[in-house]
Protein backbone atom coordinates (compact mmCIF):
# COMPACT_ATOMS: atom_id res chain seq x y z
CA MET A 1 15.87 -43.21 -17.07
CA THR A 2 19.24 -43.17 -18.82
CA LYS A 3 22.48 -43.70 -16.97
CA THR A 4 23.57 -40.08 -17.54
CA ALA A 5 20.27 -38.69 -16.26
CA GLY A 6 20.45 -41.01 -13.26
CA VAL A 7 24.00 -39.91 -12.50
CA LEU A 8 23.02 -36.23 -12.81
CA PHE A 9 20.01 -36.74 -10.59
CA PHE A 10 22.13 -38.49 -7.98
CA ALA A 11 24.78 -35.76 -8.29
CA LEU A 12 22.14 -33.06 -7.73
CA ALA A 13 20.86 -34.93 -4.69
CA ALA A 14 24.41 -35.25 -3.34
CA ILE A 15 25.06 -31.53 -3.89
CA THR A 16 21.80 -30.61 -2.20
CA LEU A 17 22.80 -32.78 0.74
CA ALA A 18 26.28 -31.22 0.78
CA LEU A 19 24.81 -27.70 0.70
CA ALA A 20 22.44 -28.60 3.50
CA ILE A 21 25.34 -30.02 5.54
CA SER A 22 27.49 -26.97 4.80
CA ASN A 23 24.67 -24.64 5.82
CA TYR A 24 24.14 -26.64 8.99
CA THR A 25 27.79 -26.99 9.97
CA GLY A 26 29.02 -23.74 8.47
CA GLN A 27 31.66 -25.65 6.45
CA PHE A 28 31.64 -25.85 2.66
CA VAL A 29 32.00 -29.28 1.06
CA SER A 30 33.73 -29.27 -2.35
CA ALA A 31 32.81 -31.31 -5.41
CA ALA A 32 36.04 -33.29 -5.07
CA GLU A 33 35.16 -34.29 -1.50
CA ILE A 34 31.71 -35.44 -2.60
CA ALA A 35 33.19 -37.37 -5.55
CA GLN A 36 35.66 -39.10 -3.22
CA LYS A 37 32.81 -40.07 -0.90
CA TYR A 38 30.71 -41.49 -3.77
CA LYS A 39 33.56 -42.88 -5.97
CA ASP A 40 31.99 -46.35 -6.11
CA THR A 41 28.87 -44.97 -7.85
CA GLY A 42 30.69 -43.76 -10.97
CA ILE A 43 30.14 -40.06 -10.29
CA THR A 44 33.09 -37.99 -11.43
CA THR A 45 34.25 -34.60 -10.22
CA THR A 46 33.18 -33.16 -13.58
CA ASP A 47 29.64 -34.51 -13.12
CA LEU A 48 29.47 -32.96 -9.67
CA ARG A 49 30.79 -29.59 -10.85
CA PHE A 50 28.23 -29.61 -13.68
CA ALA A 51 25.47 -30.46 -11.19
CA MET A 52 26.71 -27.74 -8.83
CA GLY A 53 26.55 -25.26 -11.71
CA ILE A 54 22.96 -26.28 -12.46
CA SER A 55 22.10 -26.00 -8.78
CA PHE A 56 23.61 -22.50 -8.68
CA LEU A 57 21.70 -21.54 -11.85
CA VAL A 58 18.41 -22.75 -10.32
CA GLU A 59 19.11 -20.72 -7.17
CA ILE A 60 19.79 -17.62 -9.27
CA LEU A 61 16.58 -18.13 -11.29
CA VAL A 62 14.52 -18.52 -8.11
CA ALA A 63 16.11 -15.40 -6.60
CA VAL A 64 15.47 -13.36 -9.76
CA THR A 65 11.86 -14.58 -9.88
CA VAL A 66 11.27 -13.58 -6.26
CA LEU A 67 12.88 -10.19 -6.92
CA ILE A 68 10.72 -9.56 -10.01
CA VAL A 69 7.53 -10.52 -8.15
CA GLY A 70 8.46 -8.12 -5.33
CA ILE A 71 9.21 -5.27 -7.74
CA LEU A 72 5.94 -5.84 -9.60
CA ALA A 73 3.98 -5.81 -6.34
CA VAL A 74 5.49 -2.46 -5.40
CA ALA A 75 4.95 -1.07 -8.91
CA ILE A 76 1.27 -2.05 -8.82
CA MET A 77 0.81 -0.14 -5.55
CA PHE A 78 2.10 3.19 -6.94
CA PRO A 79 -1.07 4.25 -8.84
CA THR A 80 -3.25 3.28 -5.87
CA SER A 81 -1.04 5.20 -3.46
CA SER A 82 -1.00 8.23 -5.73
CA GLY A 83 -4.80 8.21 -5.92
CA ASN A 84 -5.09 7.90 -2.14
CA ILE A 85 -2.70 10.80 -1.60
CA ASP A 86 -4.69 12.97 -4.03
CA HIS A 87 -7.98 12.06 -2.32
CA ALA A 88 -6.53 12.81 1.13
CA GLY A 89 -5.32 16.21 -0.07
CA ARG A 90 -8.70 17.10 -1.54
CA THR A 91 -10.49 15.93 1.62
CA SER A 92 -8.18 18.05 3.73
CA THR A 93 -8.82 21.12 1.54
CA ALA A 94 -12.59 20.52 1.64
CA THR A 95 -12.52 20.23 5.44
CA ALA A 96 -10.56 23.49 5.70
CA LEU A 97 -13.10 25.24 3.44
CA ALA A 98 -15.99 23.96 5.57
CA GLN A 99 -14.29 25.08 8.80
CA GLU A 100 -13.54 28.47 7.29
CA LYS A 101 -17.23 28.99 6.45
CA LEU A 102 -18.34 27.84 9.92
CA GLU A 103 -15.96 30.35 11.53
CA GLU A 104 -17.25 33.08 9.26
CA ILE A 105 -20.85 32.26 10.22
CA ARG A 106 -19.99 32.10 13.95
CA ASN A 107 -18.69 35.68 13.69
CA THR A 108 -21.96 36.88 12.10
CA LEU A 109 -24.80 38.39 14.13
CA PHE A 110 -27.31 35.71 15.12
CA ASP A 111 -30.26 37.27 13.24
CA SER A 112 -28.14 37.72 10.09
CA ILE A 113 -27.20 34.03 9.74
CA THR A 114 -28.65 32.61 6.51
CA GLY A 115 -27.95 29.76 4.15
CA GLY A 116 -26.13 30.09 0.85
CA SER A 117 -23.58 28.63 -1.51
CA ASP A 118 -20.39 29.46 -3.37
CA ASN A 119 -17.71 27.71 -5.44
CA PRO A 120 -14.21 28.26 -4.05
CA SER A 121 -11.38 26.92 -6.24
CA GLY A 122 -12.98 23.85 -7.83
CA TYR A 123 -15.20 22.92 -4.89
CA SER A 124 -18.90 23.44 -4.33
CA ARG A 125 -19.75 24.75 -0.84
CA VAL A 126 -23.36 24.84 0.43
CA TRP A 127 -24.45 25.87 3.91
CA THR A 128 -27.93 25.56 5.37
CA VAL A 129 -29.37 27.11 8.51
CA SER A 130 -32.29 25.82 10.57
CA ASP A 131 -33.79 27.23 13.77
CA GLU A 132 -34.02 25.07 16.86
CA GLY A 133 -35.28 25.75 20.35
CA SER A 134 -37.18 28.82 21.56
CA TYR A 135 -36.37 32.01 23.46
CA PRO A 136 -34.23 32.28 25.61
CA PHE A 137 -32.53 29.11 24.26
CA ARG A 138 -32.74 29.82 20.53
CA LEU A 139 -30.22 27.94 18.46
CA ARG A 140 -29.34 27.82 14.80
CA ARG A 141 -28.05 24.58 13.34
CA VAL A 142 -25.56 25.36 10.58
CA THR A 143 -24.55 22.59 8.18
CA VAL A 144 -21.75 23.17 5.68
CA THR A 145 -21.20 20.65 2.88
CA VAL A 146 -18.22 20.93 0.54
CA SER A 147 -18.36 18.72 -2.57
CA TRP A 148 -15.96 17.90 -5.40
CA SER A 149 -15.47 15.29 -8.12
CA SER A 150 -12.46 13.01 -8.33
CA GLY A 151 -10.42 12.56 -11.48
CA LEU A 152 -12.67 9.61 -12.36
CA GLY A 153 -15.81 11.74 -11.96
CA ARG A 154 -16.88 10.16 -8.67
CA PRO A 155 -18.53 12.64 -6.28
CA HIS A 156 -17.08 13.22 -2.83
CA SER A 157 -18.13 15.49 0.01
CA VAL A 158 -17.30 16.64 3.52
CA THR A 159 -20.06 17.83 5.89
CA LEU A 160 -19.52 19.77 9.11
CA GLU A 161 -22.29 20.87 11.43
CA THR A 162 -22.51 23.13 14.47
CA LEU A 163 -25.05 24.79 16.75
CA ILE A 164 -24.86 28.53 17.37
CA ALA A 165 -26.58 30.01 20.44
CA GLU A 166 -28.35 33.35 20.20
CA ASN A 167 -26.84 34.65 23.43
CA LYS A 168 -23.43 33.00 22.87
CA ILE A 169 -23.42 31.72 26.42
């Protein structure tokens, strides 16, 4: 190790110690004060100021790196968040369509309830009806499934089911 590199290394160590002391005590220690303390080692005020500048530059580079990593992490989350918001909106619409059909079927005469399908605004809605129980406790199980495809072509669906009593007790 050359004498200059050794002096710079020692100067950086002294500055790090001074910064640690200043952070601990709340008092700043100047390059001149450090040079006075270590005058027997051959370190000059200019060496210490140069080392302090390098130390400051390293701190700035570390801070910028941390900032860039944080910004990139947030930027990466935007497409995922956007996709999740779109999926939540479509799921909410599909649930509303299924509830709407169930309400419509509940308001139909018991003997007129039948299965079917339709395609409201980009969704596929299918409802099936099955008989359960016997008189006087006849029930019809109604299942409504609303399906759609995501932007990537993946299928999604929402299914709601209810029982309707003949006598609406």
